[in-house]
């Protein structure tokens, strides 16, 4: 399963999965990649670059 970093899917470094639960029903509704510390570091660095270069500053909330 993929993470989404820099606006594009990319392979997670771990094959581990997390179950997403509906809190209203207690039912499992999806699974997703369990991001590794390295995946999180890549995502944080991507967010930092977007903040520094202000690529999101001119966009409306709907576009973001």
C-alpha atoms as a PDB file:
ATOM      1  CA  UNK A   1       0.000   0.000   0.000  1.00  0.00           C
ATOM      2  CA  UNK A   2       1.126   3.527  -0.674  1.00  0.00           C
ATOM      3  CA  UNK A   3       1.645   6.636   1.357  1.00  0.00           C
ATOM      4  CA  UNK A   4       0.878   9.999  -0.225  1.00  0.00           C
ATOM      5  CA  UNK A   5       3.917  12.279  -0.095  1.00  0.00           C
ATOM      6  CA  UNK A   6       4.566  15.330  -2.307  1.00  0.00           C
ATOM      7  CA  UNK A   7       1.074  14.934  -3.757  1.00  0.00           C
ATOM      8  CA  UNK A   8       1.717  11.492  -5.187  1.00  0.00           C
ATOM      9  CA  UNK A   9       1.439   7.894  -4.025  1.00  0.00           C
ATOM     10  CA  UNK A  10       4.716   6.288  -3.017  1.00  0.00           C
ATOM     11  CA  UNK A  11       5.538   2.922  -1.535  1.00  0.00           C
ATOM     12  CA  UNK A  12       5.576   2.726   2.256  1.00  0.00           C
ATOM     13  CA  UNK A  13       8.801   1.314   3.659  1.00  0.00           C
ATOM     14  CA  UNK A  14       6.847  -1.173   5.757  1.00  0.00           C
ATOM     15  CA  UNK A  15       4.381  -3.842   4.673  1.00  0.00           C
ATOM     16  CA  UNK A  16       2.503  -3.338   7.973  1.00  0.00           C
ATOM     17  CA  UNK A  17      -1.134  -2.245   7.781  1.00  0.00           C
ATOM     18  CA  UNK A  18      -3.471  -0.361  10.114  1.00  0.00           C
ATOM     19  CA  UNK A  19      -7.197  -0.953  10.352  1.00  0.00           C
ATOM     20  CA  UNK A  20      -9.457   2.119  10.209  1.00  0.00           C
ATOM     21  CA  UNK A  21     -12.500   1.808  12.470  1.00  0.00           C
ATOM     22  CA  UNK A  22     -15.842   3.612  12.264  1.00  0.00           C
ATOM     23  CA  UNK A  23     -16.260   5.017  15.786  1.00  0.00           C
ATOM     24  CA  UNK A  24     -20.046   5.124  15.454  1.00  0.00           C
ATOM     25  CA  UNK A  25     -20.430   1.435  14.609  1.00  0.00           C
ATOM     26  CA  UNK A  26     -17.181  -0.154  15.727  1.00  0.00           C
ATOM     27  CA  UNK A  27     -16.880  -1.735  12.275  1.00  0.00           C
ATOM     28  CA  UNK A  28     -13.633  -1.949  10.329  1.00  0.00           C
ATOM     29  CA  UNK A  29     -14.053   0.220   7.230  1.00  0.00           C
ATOM     30  CA  UNK A  30     -10.593   0.269   5.612  1.00  0.00           C
ATOM     31  CA  UNK A  31      -6.935  -0.553   5.944  1.00  0.00           C
ATOM     32  CA  UNK A  32      -4.045   1.770   5.268  1.00  0.00           C
ATOM     33  CA  UNK A  33      -0.258   1.754   5.251  1.00  0.00           C
ATOM     34  CA  UNK A  34       1.406   1.878   8.671  1.00  0.00           C
ATOM     35  CA  UNK A  35       3.982   4.571   8.000  1.00  0.00           C
ATOM     36  CA  UNK A  36       7.474   3.934   9.300  1.00  0.00           C
ATOM     37  CA  UNK A  37       9.540   6.653  10.994  1.00  0.00           C
ATOM     38  CA  UNK A  38      11.354   7.142   7.664  1.00  0.00           C
ATOM     39  CA  UNK A  39       8.002   7.604   5.857  1.00  0.00           C
ATOM     40  CA  UNK A  40       6.982  10.196   8.449  1.00  0.00           C
ATOM     41  CA  UNK A  41      10.321  12.004   8.059  1.00  0.00           C
ATOM     42  CA  UNK A  42       9.800  12.169   4.266  1.00  0.00           C
ATOM     43  CA  UNK A  43       6.277  13.548   4.736  1.00  0.00           C
ATOM     44  CA  UNK A  44       7.398  16.155   7.282  1.00  0.00           C
ATOM     45  CA  UNK A  45      10.243  17.305   5.024  1.00  0.00           C
ATOM     46  CA  UNK A  46       7.808  17.565   2.109  1.00  0.00           C
ATOM     47  CA  UNK A  47       5.447  19.682   4.216  1.00  0.00           C
ATOM     48  CA  UNK A  48       8.339  21.874   5.359  1.00  0.00           C
ATOM     49  CA  UNK A  49       9.459  22.480   1.756  1.00  0.00           C
ATOM     50  CA  UNK A  50       5.883  23.411   0.782  1.00  0.00           C
ATOM     51  CA  UNK A  51       5.729  25.853   3.705  1.00  0.00           C
ATOM     52  CA  UNK A  52       9.089  27.459   2.938  1.00  0.00           C
ATOM     53  CA  UNK A  53       8.508  27.892  -0.799  1.00  0.00           C
ATOM     54  CA  UNK A  54       4.893  29.013  -0.156  1.00  0.00           C
ATOM     55  CA  UNK A  55       3.528  26.822  -2.968  1.00  0.00           C
ATOM     56  CA  UNK A  56       0.209  26.548  -1.097  1.00  0.00           C
ATOM     57  CA  UNK A  57      -0.062  30.186  -0.010  1.00  0.00           C
ATOM     58  CA  UNK A  58      -2.008  31.382  -3.049  1.00  0.00           C
ATOM     59  CA  UNK A  59      -4.453  28.500  -3.150  1.00  0.00           C
ATOM     60  CA  UNK A  60      -7.947  28.532  -1.754  1.00  0.00           C
ATOM     61  CA  UNK A  61      -8.849  26.046   0.977  1.00  0.00           C
ATOM     62  CA  UNK A  62     -10.887  24.085  -1.587  1.00  0.00           C
ATOM     63  CA  UNK A  63      -7.814  23.729  -3.834  1.00  0.00           C
ATOM     64  CA  UNK A  64      -5.635  22.572  -0.967  1.00  0.00           C
END
